[in-house]
Amino acid sequence: MSTILVTGANGQLGNEMRDLSKIHLVHNFLFTDIDELDITNTQVVMSFVSNNKVDYIVNCAAYTAVDKAEDDILSCRKINALAVQNLAKAASINGVRMIHISTDYVYDGCGYRPYEEDDQVAPVSVYGKTKLEGEKLLLDACSQSVVLRTSWLYSSYGNNFVKTMLRLGEEKEQLSVVFDQIGTPTYAADLAQAIMKIIDSPEFVPGIYNFSDEGVCSWFDFAVSVHRIAGISKCKVLPIESREYPAKAVRPFYSVMNKKKIKKTYKFDIPHWEESLEKCITILMK
């Protein structure tokens, strides 16, 4: 039996990990968020990992308010970079394996083919820069670590794009969504399953891996699919350009990721994003 520490356990991914823990009974899960474990406190982290004889750390904690981060650099860096370093050092000293969640925002979005893990990284936002710093600090401090870069995360838990589109679809007659940002939605339940497959794999292979659901779409396409699957027909969704929807932080225009590395290494079958979206909306509409 392995002891798995899950940080950021009250978020979308953390809650999906809680659900999986109910069927992965061979493991002992420790679910923590800020009230149980302050990952920005080096000594607290070190003591917690050592005292609880942790085997794996799954870091789901992150500062994800992308626009707010532009004016809150210190807080963003504290959580997305320095806290990761704290976990990594504790992992290294105690012989713990670590799985850390990163983002497609480490890429600049100027590409035209799906990004591979060794492609150049050049984040264009504070959020992306702090997440990239977190990756580097982790890999420098803990050799037994996996970084999972994911994109457009949503879930039946927490606040996310899918829930917003469902709510606005019922409230408004018309909705404008950007069509010139291209990527792949990822159901947090699929990411949680990927994490458990890595933990349960016969061989733990450290490194950076891209993980999202399969397929490609724009945010406009994503919104249209949400409404179609949910049976929302009274709200018209219109495509707009990013420049018509001003935001504090710059977003990558293209952040589709190639998943061949993780599929080959850990023998994954990854569902298409629309298939997973249907599952999530079914849960939300119960």
C-alpha atoms as a PDB file:
ATOM      1  CA  MET A   1       0.000   0.000   0.000  1.00  0.00           C
ATOM      2  CA  SER A   2       1.303   3.428  -1.009  1.00  0.00           C
ATOM      3  CA  THR A   3       0.565   6.638   0.851  1.00  0.00           C
ATOM      4  CA  ILE A   4      -0.420   9.377  -1.603  1.00  0.00           C
ATOM      5  CA  LEU A   5      -0.432  13.026  -0.541  1.00  0.00           C
ATOM      6  CA  VAL A   6      -2.780  15.124  -2.700  1.00  0.00           C
ATOM      7  CA  THR A   7      -2.344  18.877  -2.317  1.00  0.00           C
ATOM      8  CA  GLY A   8      -4.926  21.373  -3.561  1.00  0.00           C
ATOM      9  CA  ALA A   9      -7.527  18.727  -2.814  1.00  0.00           C
ATOM     10  CA  ASN A  10     -10.506  21.105  -2.808  1.00  0.00           C
ATOM     11  CA  GLY A  11     -10.083  22.103  -6.452  1.00  0.00           C
ATOM     12  CA  GLN A  12     -11.413  20.499  -9.621  1.00  0.00           C
ATOM     13  CA  LEU A  13      -8.670  17.899  -9.981  1.00  0.00           C
ATOM     14  CA  GLY A  14      -8.346  17.322  -6.247  1.00  0.00           C
ATOM     15  CA  ASN A  15     -12.027  16.448  -6.000  1.00  0.00           C
ATOM     16  CA  GLU A  16     -11.754  14.068  -8.948  1.00  0.00           C
ATOM     17  CA  MET A  17      -8.853  12.417  -7.095  1.00  0.00           C
ATOM     18  CA  ARG A  18     -11.106  12.077  -4.045  1.00  0.00           C
ATOM     19  CA  ASP A  19     -13.639  10.228  -6.211  1.00  0.00           C
ATOM     20  CA  LEU A  20     -10.981   7.858  -7.534  1.00  0.00           C
ATOM     21  CA  SER A  21      -9.698   7.153  -4.024  1.00  0.00           C
ATOM     22  CA  LYS A  22     -12.991   5.363  -3.331  1.00  0.00           C
ATOM     23  CA  ILE A  23     -12.108   2.677  -5.868  1.00  0.00           C
ATOM     24  CA  HIS A  24      -8.313   2.639  -5.440  1.00  0.00           C
ATOM     25  CA  LEU A  25      -8.542   1.065  -2.011  1.00  0.00           C
ATOM     26  CA  VAL A  26      -5.020  -0.378  -2.112  1.00  0.00           C
ATOM     27  CA  HIS A  27      -3.672   3.129  -1.486  1.00  0.00           C
ATOM     28  CA  ASN A  28      -3.828   5.402   1.533  1.00  0.00           C
ATOM     29  CA  PHE A  29      -4.773   8.925   0.421  1.00  0.00           C
ATOM     30  CA  LEU A  30      -4.015  12.104   2.362  1.00  0.00           C
ATOM     31  CA  PHE A  31      -6.108  14.957   0.971  1.00  0.00           C
ATOM     32  CA  THR A  32      -4.957  18.422   1.969  1.00  0.00           C
ATOM     33  CA  ASP A  33      -5.661  22.007   1.061  1.00  0.00           C
ATOM     34  CA  ILE A  34      -4.512  25.264   2.641  1.00  0.00           C
ATOM     35  CA  ASP A  35      -6.299  24.558   5.956  1.00  0.00           C
ATOM     36  CA  GLU A  36      -4.548  21.206   6.418  1.00  0.00           C
ATOM     37  CA  LEU A  37      -1.162  21.914   4.837  1.00  0.00           C
ATOM     38  CA  ASP A  38       0.390  25.243   3.903  1.00  0.00           C
ATOM     39  CA  ILE A  39       2.668  24.233   1.047  1.00  0.00           C
ATOM     40  CA  THR A  40       4.295  27.693   1.033  1.00  0.00           C
ATOM     41  CA  ASN A  41       5.822  26.897   4.446  1.00  0.00           C
ATOM     42  CA  THR A  42       9.036  24.939   3.895  1.00  0.00           C
ATOM     43  CA  GLN A  43       9.340  23.437   7.384  1.00  0.00           C
ATOM     44  CA  VAL A  44       5.660  22.486   7.632  1.00  0.00           C
ATOM     45  CA  VAL A  45       5.877  20.644   4.311  1.00  0.00           C
ATOM     46  CA  MET A  46       9.068  18.847   5.313  1.00  0.00           C
ATOM     47  CA  SER A  47       7.570  17.667   8.613  1.00  0.00           C
ATOM     48  CA  PHE A  48       4.265  16.580   7.064  1.00  0.00           C
ATOM     49  CA  VAL A  49       5.886  14.469   4.337  1.00  0.00           C
ATOM     50  CA  SER A  50       8.302  12.845   6.789  1.00  0.00           C
ATOM     51  CA  ASN A  51       5.815  12.229   9.615  1.00  0.00           C
ATOM     52  CA  ASN A  52       3.183  10.699   7.321  1.00  0.00           C
ATOM     53  CA  LYS A  53       5.631   8.426   5.486  1.00  0.00           C
ATOM     54  CA  VAL A  54       4.406   9.662   2.109  1.00  0.00           C
ATOM     55  CA  ASP A  55       5.273   7.622  -1.017  1.00  0.00           C
ATOM     56  CA  TYR A  56       3.792   9.908  -3.683  1.00  0.00           C
ATOM     57  CA  ILE A  57       2.987  13.615  -3.796  1.00  0.00           C
ATOM     58  CA  VAL A  58       0.357  14.695  -6.326  1.00  0.00           C
ATOM     59  CA  ASN A  59       0.442  18.477  -6.474  1.00  0.00           C
ATOM     60  CA  CYS A  60      -2.909  19.792  -7.675  1.00  0.00           C
ATOM     61  CA  ALA A  61      -2.460  23.139  -5.936  1.00  0.00           C
ATOM     62  CA  ALA A  62      -2.050  26.198  -8.142  1.00  0.00           C
ATOM     63  CA  TYR A  63      -2.749  29.895  -8.500  1.00  0.00           C
ATOM     64  CA  THR A  64      -5.005  29.781 -11.576  1.00  0.00           C
ATOM     65  CA  ALA A  65      -6.526  33.294 -11.755  1.00  0.00           C
ATOM     66  CA  VAL A  66      -4.698  34.079 -14.995  1.00  0.00           C
ATOM     67  CA  ASP A  67      -5.732  37.738 -15.325  1.00  0.00           C
ATOM     68  CA  LYS A  68      -5.445  38.553 -11.623  1.00  0.00           C
ATOM     69  CA  ALA A  69      -1.917  37.122 -11.630  1.00  0.00           C
ATOM     70  CA  GLU A  70      -0.713  40.004 -13.804  1.00  0.00           C
ATOM     71  CA  ASP A  71      -1.151  42.315 -10.789  1.00  0.00           C
ATOM     72  CA  ASP A  72      -0.443  39.720  -8.094  1.00  0.00           C
ATOM     73  CA  ILE A  73       2.918  38.370  -9.189  1.00  0.00           C
ATOM     74  CA  LEU A  74       4.279  37.603  -5.711  1.00  0.00           C
ATOM     75  CA  SER A  75       1.291  35.493  -4.619  1.00  0.00           C
ATOM     76  CA  CYS A  76       1.198  33.704  -7.953  1.00  0.00           C
ATOM     77  CA  ARG A  77       4.912  32.866  -7.817  1.00  0.00           C
ATOM     78  CA  LYS A  78       4.671  31.824  -4.161  1.00  0.00           C
ATOM     79  CA  ILE A  79       2.152  29.091  -5.012  1.00  0.00           C
ATOM     80  CA  ASN A  80       3.093  28.125  -8.575  1.00  0.00           C
ATOM     81  CA  ALA A  81       6.874  28.099  -8.105  1.00  0.00           C
ATOM     82  CA  LEU A  82       8.211  28.395  -4.556  1.00  0.00           C
ATOM     83  CA  ALA A  83       5.652  26.033  -3.009  1.00  0.00           C
ATOM     84  CA  VAL A  84       6.490  23.486  -5.704  1.00  0.00           C
ATOM     85  CA  GLN A  85      10.129  23.763  -4.690  1.00  0.00           C
ATOM     86  CA  ASN A  86       9.161  23.091  -1.060  1.00  0.00           C
ATOM     87  CA  LEU A  87       7.306  19.928  -2.062  1.00  0.00           C
ATOM     88  CA  ALA A  88      10.132  18.858  -4.352  1.00  0.00           C
ATOM     89  CA  LYS A  89      12.785  19.216  -1.653  1.00  0.00           C
ATOM     90  CA  ALA A  90      10.669  17.273   0.827  1.00  0.00           C
ATOM     91  CA  ALA A  91      10.112  14.596  -1.807  1.00  0.00           C
ATOM     92  CA  SER A  92      13.805  14.310  -2.613  1.00  0.00           C
ATOM     93  CA  ILE A  93      14.945  14.112   1.011  1.00  0.00           C
ATOM     94  CA  ASN A  94      12.325  11.485   1.891  1.00  0.00           C
ATOM     95  CA  GLY A  95      12.601   9.347  -1.246  1.00  0.00           C
ATOM     96  CA  VAL A  96       9.139  10.338  -2.464  1.00  0.00           C
ATOM     97  CA  ARG A  97       7.953  10.361  -6.067  1.00  0.00           C
ATOM     98  CA  MET A  98       6.161  13.512  -7.164  1.00  0.00           C
ATOM     99  CA  ILE A  99       3.563  14.217  -9.857  1.00  0.00           C
ATOM    100  CA  HIS A 100       3.031  17.896 -10.590  1.00  0.00           C
ATOM    101  CA  ILE A 101       0.345  19.511 -12.743  1.00  0.00           C
ATOM    102  CA  SER A 102       1.510  22.194 -15.151  1.00  0.00           C
ATOM    103  CA  THR A 103      -0.069  23.932 -18.117  1.00  0.00           C
ATOM    104  CA  ASP A 104      -0.164  24.566 -21.859  1.00  0.00           C
ATOM    105  CA  TYR A 105       0.513  28.221 -20.972  1.00  0.00           C
ATOM    106  CA  VAL A 106       4.251  27.447 -20.847  1.00  0.00           C
ATOM    107  CA  TYR A 107       4.104  27.558 -24.671  1.00  0.00           C
ATOM    108  CA  ASP A 108       3.793  30.909 -26.462  1.00  0.00           C
ATOM    109  CA  GLY A 109       0.972  29.725 -28.724  1.00  0.00           C
ATOM    110  CA  CYS A 110       2.665  30.833 -31.950  1.00  0.00           C
ATOM    111  CA  GLY A 111       3.041  27.290 -33.284  1.00  0.00           C
ATOM    112  CA  TYR A 112       0.972  25.581 -35.948  1.00  0.00           C
ATOM    113  CA  ARG A 113       1.480  21.895 -35.095  1.00  0.00           C
ATOM    114  CA  PRO A 114       0.799  20.161 -31.762  1.00  0.00           C
ATOM    115  CA  TYR A 115       3.472  20.989 -29.217  1.00  0.00           C
ATOM    116  CA  GLU A 116       5.851  18.262 -28.062  1.00  0.00           C
ATOM    117  CA  GLU A 117       7.484  18.271 -24.649  1.00  0.00           C
ATOM    118  CA  ASP A 118      10.914  19.298 -25.931  1.00  0.00           C
ATOM    119  CA  ASP A 119       9.618  22.181 -28.044  1.00  0.00           C
ATOM    120  CA  GLN A 120      10.724  25.638 -26.974  1.00  0.00           C
ATOM    121  CA  VAL A 121       8.842  27.097 -24.009  1.00  0.00           C
ATOM    122  CA  ALA A 122       8.148  30.824 -23.955  1.00  0.00           C
ATOM    123  CA  PRO A 123       5.219  31.739 -21.684  1.00  0.00           C
ATOM    124  CA  VAL A 124       3.512  35.065 -22.411  1.00  0.00           C
ATOM    125  CA  SER A 125       1.736  35.607 -19.067  1.00  0.00           C
ATOM    126  CA  VAL A 126       2.706  35.816 -15.402  1.00  0.00           C
ATOM    127  CA  TYR A 127       0.730  32.640 -14.781  1.00  0.00           C
ATOM    128  CA  GLY A 128       2.603  30.782 -17.522  1.00  0.00           C
ATOM    129  CA  LYS A 129       5.983  32.097 -16.378  1.00  0.00           C
ATOM    130  CA  THR A 130       5.422  31.029 -12.759  1.00  0.00           C
ATOM    131  CA  LYS A 131       4.207  27.588 -13.837  1.00  0.00           C
ATOM    132  CA  LEU A 132       7.328  27.132 -15.959  1.00  0.00           C
ATOM    133  CA  GLU A 133       9.514  28.235 -13.042  1.00  0.00           C
ATOM    134  CA  GLY A 134       7.725  25.668 -10.884  1.00  0.00           C
ATOM    135  CA  GLU A 135       8.529  22.940 -13.408  1.00  0.00           C
ATOM    136  CA  LYS A 136      12.217  23.858 -13.410  1.00  0.00           C
ATOM    137  CA  LEU A 137      12.471  24.071  -9.623  1.00  0.00           C
ATOM    138  CA  LEU A 138      10.812  20.670  -9.307  1.00  0.00           C
ATOM    139  CA  LEU A 139      13.032  18.924 -11.838  1.00  0.00           C
ATOM    140  CA  ASP A 140      16.163  20.481 -10.315  1.00  0.00           C
ATOM    141  CA  ALA A 141      15.274  19.381  -6.781  1.00  0.00           C
ATOM    142  CA  CYS A 142      13.619  15.980  -7.320  1.00  0.00           C
ATOM    143  CA  SER A 143      14.792  13.511  -9.950  1.00  0.00           C
ATOM    144  CA  GLN A 144      11.847  11.176  -9.285  1.00  0.00           C
ATOM    145  CA  SER A 145       9.196  13.533 -10.609  1.00  0.00           C
ATOM    146  CA  VAL A 146       6.642  13.701 -13.400  1.00  0.00           C
ATOM    147  CA  VAL A 147       5.331  16.982 -14.803  1.00  0.00           C
ATOM    148  CA  LEU A 148       1.962  16.795 -16.540  1.00  0.00           C
ATOM    149  CA  ARG A 149       1.211  19.745 -18.809  1.00  0.00           C
ATOM    150  CA  THR A 150      -2.524  19.944 -19.321  1.00  0.00           C
ATOM    151  CA  SER A 151      -5.008  22.356 -20.895  1.00  0.00           C
ATOM    152  CA  TRP A 152      -8.497  23.840 -20.614  1.00  0.00           C
ATOM    153  CA  LEU A 153      -9.382  21.882 -17.474  1.00  0.00           C
ATOM    154  CA  TYR A 154     -13.026  21.470 -16.462  1.00  0.00           C
ATOM    155  CA  SER A 155     -15.009  19.259 -14.095  1.00  0.00           C
ATOM    156  CA  SER A 156     -18.341  18.801 -12.378  1.00  0.00           C
ATOM    157  CA  TYR A 157     -16.509  20.355  -9.396  1.00  0.00           C
ATOM    158  CA  GLY A 158     -15.407  23.949  -8.902  1.00  0.00           C
ATOM    159  CA  ASN A 159     -15.784  26.882 -11.260  1.00  0.00           C
ATOM    160  CA  ASN A 160     -14.922  26.414 -14.913  1.00  0.00           C
ATOM    161  CA  PHE A 161     -15.830  27.244 -18.510  1.00  0.00           C
ATOM    162  CA  VAL A 162     -18.396  24.439 -18.878  1.00  0.00           C
ATOM    163  CA  LYS A 163     -20.371  25.526 -15.831  1.00  0.00           C
ATOM    164  CA  THR A 164     -20.212  29.162 -16.934  1.00  0.00           C
ATOM    165  CA  MET A 165     -21.526  28.311 -20.409  1.00  0.00           C
ATOM    166  CA  LEU A 166     -24.362  26.264 -18.926  1.00  0.00           C
ATOM    167  CA  ARG A 167     -25.366  29.116 -16.625  1.00  0.00           C
ATOM    168  CA  LEU A 168     -25.099  31.843 -19.264  1.00  0.00           C
ATOM    169  CA  GLY A 169     -26.914  29.650 -21.765  1.00  0.00           C
ATOM    170  CA  GLU A 170     -29.946  29.705 -19.479  1.00  0.00           C
ATOM    171  CA  GLU A 171     -29.632  33.404 -18.606  1.00  0.00           C
ATOM    172  CA  LYS A 172     -28.840  35.037 -21.951  1.00  0.00           C
ATOM    173  CA  GLU A 173     -30.265  35.068 -25.470  1.00  0.00           C
ATOM    174  CA  GLN A 174     -26.845  35.684 -27.036  1.00  0.00           C
ATOM    175  CA  LEU A 175     -23.274  34.905 -26.074  1.00  0.00           C
ATOM    176  CA  SER A 176     -19.946  35.854 -27.705  1.00  0.00           C
ATOM    177  CA  VAL A 177     -16.970  33.493 -27.389  1.00  0.00           C
ATOM    178  CA  VAL A 178     -13.491  33.730 -28.939  1.00  0.00           C
ATOM    179  CA  PHE A 179     -12.866  31.516 -31.961  1.00  0.00           C
ATOM    180  CA  ASP A 180      -9.184  32.323 -32.557  1.00  0.00           C
ATOM    181  CA  GLN A 181      -7.746  30.516 -29.516  1.00  0.00           C
ATOM    182  CA  ILE A 182      -7.276  26.846 -30.371  1.00  0.00           C
ATOM    183  CA  GLY A 183      -6.581  24.031 -27.935  1.00  0.00           C
ATOM    184  CA  THR A 184      -8.071  20.962 -26.295  1.00  0.00           C
ATOM    185  CA  PRO A 185     -10.497  20.747 -23.359  1.00  0.00           C
ATOM    186  CA  THR A 186      -9.507  18.267 -20.647  1.00  0.00           C
ATOM    187  CA  TYR A 187     -11.952  16.617 -18.275  1.00  0.00           C
ATOM    188  CA  ALA A 188     -10.315  16.631 -14.837  1.00  0.00           C
ATOM    189  CA  ALA A 189     -11.635  13.101 -14.248  1.00  0.00           C
ATOM    190  CA  ASP A 190      -9.533  11.914 -17.212  1.00  0.00           C
ATOM    191  CA  LEU A 191      -6.453  13.661 -15.810  1.00  0.00           C
ATOM    192  CA  ALA A 192      -7.069  12.066 -12.394  1.00  0.00           C
ATOM    193  CA  GLN A 193      -7.240   8.641 -14.035  1.00  0.00           C
ATOM    194  CA  ALA A 194      -3.996   9.367 -15.869  1.00  0.00           C
ATOM    195  CA  ILE A 195      -2.314  10.223 -12.556  1.00  0.00           C
ATOM    196  CA  MET A 196      -3.457   6.958 -11.005  1.00  0.00           C
ATOM    197  CA  LYS A 197      -2.261   4.997 -14.043  1.00  0.00           C
ATOM    198  CA  ILE A 198       1.184   6.528 -13.588  1.00  0.00           C
ATOM    199  CA  ILE A 199       1.195   5.633  -9.885  1.00  0.00           C
ATOM    200  CA  ASP A 200       0.006   2.084 -10.585  1.00  0.00           C
ATOM    201  CA  SER A 201       2.379   1.581 -13.527  1.00  0.00           C
ATOM    202  CA  PRO A 202       5.026  -1.160 -13.108  1.00  0.00           C
ATOM    203  CA  GLU A 203       7.703   1.439 -13.863  1.00  0.00           C
ATOM    204  CA  PHE A 204       7.760   5.098 -12.817  1.00  0.00           C
ATOM    205  CA  VAL A 205       9.369   7.036 -15.676  1.00  0.00           C
ATOM    206  CA  PRO A 206      10.206  10.625 -14.637  1.00  0.00           C
ATOM    207  CA  GLY A 207      10.014  13.553 -17.037  1.00  0.00           C
ATOM    208  CA  ILE A 208       7.726  16.101 -18.653  1.00  0.00           C
ATOM    209  CA  TYR A 209       4.581  14.837 -20.354  1.00  0.00           C
ATOM    210  CA  ASN A 210       1.758  16.521 -22.233  1.00  0.00           C
ATOM    211  CA  PHE A 211      -1.719  15.355 -21.285  1.00  0.00           C
ATOM    212  CA  SER A 212      -5.080  16.571 -22.533  1.00  0.00           C
ATOM    213  CA  ASP A 213      -8.078  14.840 -24.006  1.00  0.00           C
ATOM    214  CA  GLU A 214      -7.909  14.049 -27.729  1.00  0.00           C
ATOM    215  CA  GLY A 215      -9.094  16.361 -30.475  1.00  0.00           C
ATOM    216  CA  VAL A 216      -8.931  20.078 -31.192  1.00  0.00           C
ATOM    217  CA  CYS A 217     -11.353  23.003 -30.939  1.00  0.00           C
ATOM    218  CA  SER A 218     -11.691  26.722 -30.290  1.00  0.00           C
ATOM    219  CA  TRP A 219     -13.370  28.158 -27.202  1.00  0.00           C
ATOM    220  CA  PHE A 220     -16.287  28.995 -29.519  1.00  0.00           C
ATOM    221  CA  ASP A 221     -16.567  25.354 -30.635  1.00  0.00           C
ATOM    222  CA  PHE A 222     -16.324  24.271 -27.005  1.00  0.00           C
ATOM    223  CA  ALA A 223     -19.206  26.558 -25.995  1.00  0.00           C
ATOM    224  CA  VAL A 224     -21.367  25.403 -28.912  1.00  0.00           C
ATOM    225  CA  SER A 225     -20.797  21.767 -27.912  1.00  0.00           C
ATOM    226  CA  VAL A 226     -21.677  22.487 -24.274  1.00  0.00           C
ATOM    227  CA  HIS A 227     -25.018  23.966 -25.330  1.00  0.00           C
ATOM    228  CA  ARG A 228     -25.726  21.220 -27.879  1.00  0.00           C
ATOM    229  CA  ILE A 229     -25.067  18.407 -25.405  1.00  0.00           C
ATOM    230  CA  ALA A 230     -27.061  20.159 -22.657  1.00  0.00           C
ATOM    231  CA  GLY A 231     -29.983  20.816 -25.005  1.00  0.00           C
ATOM    232  CA  ILE A 232     -29.732  24.607 -24.679  1.00  0.00           C
ATOM    233  CA  SER A 233     -31.292  26.117 -27.815  1.00  0.00           C
ATOM    234  CA  LYS A 234     -32.526  29.585 -26.777  1.00  0.00           C
ATOM    235  CA  CYS A 235     -29.052  31.126 -26.526  1.00  0.00           C
ATOM    236  CA  LYS A 236     -27.178  31.945 -29.746  1.00  0.00           C
ATOM    237  CA  VAL A 237     -23.396  31.576 -29.477  1.00  0.00           C
ATOM    238  CA  LEU A 238     -21.439  33.994 -31.678  1.00  0.00           C
ATOM    239  CA  PRO A 239     -17.734  33.766 -32.623  1.00  0.00           C
ATOM    240  CA  ILE A 240     -15.527  36.788 -31.863  1.00  0.00           C
ATOM    241  CA  GLU A 241     -11.813  37.567 -32.077  1.00  0.00           C
ATOM    242  CA  SER A 242      -9.655  37.771 -28.959  1.00  0.00           C
ATOM    243  CA  ARG A 243      -9.082  41.480 -29.544  1.00  0.00           C
ATOM    244  CA  GLU A 244     -12.841  42.012 -29.111  1.00  0.00           C
ATOM    245  CA  TYR A 245     -12.653  40.428 -25.667  1.00  0.00           C
ATOM    246  CA  PRO A 246      -9.873  42.337 -23.884  1.00  0.00           C
ATOM    247  CA  ALA A 247      -8.162  40.511 -21.035  1.00  0.00           C
ATOM    248  CA  LYS A 248      -5.297  41.518 -18.765  1.00  0.00           C
ATOM    249  CA  ALA A 249      -3.203  38.439 -19.564  1.00  0.00           C
ATOM    250  CA  VAL A 250      -2.224  37.288 -23.039  1.00  0.00           C
ATOM    251  CA  ARG A 251      -3.449  33.781 -23.903  1.00  0.00           C
ATOM    252  CA  PRO A 252      -1.720  31.373 -26.303  1.00  0.00           C
ATOM    253  CA  PHE A 253      -3.512  31.414 -29.657  1.00  0.00           C
ATOM    254  CA  TYR A 254      -2.572  27.793 -30.334  1.00  0.00           C
ATOM    255  CA  SER A 255      -1.839  25.334 -27.533  1.00  0.00           C
ATOM    256  CA  VAL A 256      -2.735  21.916 -28.926  1.00  0.00           C
ATOM    257  CA  MET A 257      -0.373  19.332 -27.435  1.00  0.00           C
ATOM    258  CA  ASN A 258       1.020  16.089 -28.828  1.00  0.00           C
ATOM    259  CA  LYS A 259       0.415  13.234 -26.357  1.00  0.00           C
ATOM    260  CA  LYS A 260       2.415  10.483 -28.070  1.00  0.00           C
ATOM    261  CA  LYS A 261       5.093  10.427 -25.335  1.00  0.00           C
ATOM    262  CA  ILE A 262       2.716   9.696 -22.447  1.00  0.00           C
ATOM    263  CA  LYS A 263       0.642   7.258 -24.516  1.00  0.00           C
ATOM    264  CA  LYS A 264       3.756   5.292 -25.449  1.00  0.00           C
ATOM    265  CA  THR A 265       5.412   5.411 -22.003  1.00  0.00           C
ATOM    266  CA  TYR A 266       2.385   4.670 -19.835  1.00  0.00           C
ATOM    267  CA  LYS A 267       0.180   2.835 -22.379  1.00  0.00           C
ATOM    268  CA  PHE A 268      -2.711   5.314 -22.244  1.00  0.00           C
ATOM    269  CA  ASP A 269      -5.967   5.370 -24.138  1.00  0.00           C
ATOM    270  CA  ILE A 270      -7.199   8.967 -24.076  1.00  0.00           C
ATOM    271  CA  PRO A 271     -10.858   9.808 -24.864  1.00  0.00           C
ATOM    272  CA  HIS A 272     -11.965  12.494 -27.306  1.00  0.00           C
ATOM    273  CA  TRP A 273     -12.885  15.738 -25.581  1.00  0.00           C
ATOM    274  CA  GLU A 274     -16.531  15.643 -26.701  1.00  0.00           C
ATOM    275  CA  GLU A 275     -16.969  12.139 -25.309  1.00  0.00           C
ATOM    276  CA  SER A 276     -15.721  13.277 -21.912  1.00  0.00           C
ATOM    277  CA  LEU A 277     -17.743  16.496 -22.077  1.00  0.00           C
ATOM    278  CA  GLU A 278     -20.906  14.432 -22.451  1.00  0.00           C
ATOM    279  CA  LYS A 279     -20.019  12.492 -19.294  1.00  0.00           C
ATOM    280  CA  CYS A 280     -19.427  15.675 -17.312  1.00  0.00           C
ATOM    281  CA  ILE A 281     -22.613  17.386 -18.467  1.00  0.00           C
ATOM    282  CA  THR A 282     -24.623  14.241 -17.673  1.00  0.00           C
ATOM    283  CA  ILE A 283     -23.352  14.483 -14.088  1.00  0.00           C
ATOM    284  CA  LEU A 284     -24.070  18.215 -13.884  1.00  0.00           C
ATOM    285  CA  MET A 285     -27.637  17.824 -15.164  1.00  0.00           C
ATOM    286  CA  LYS A 286     -28.651  15.074 -12.743  1.00  0.00           C
END
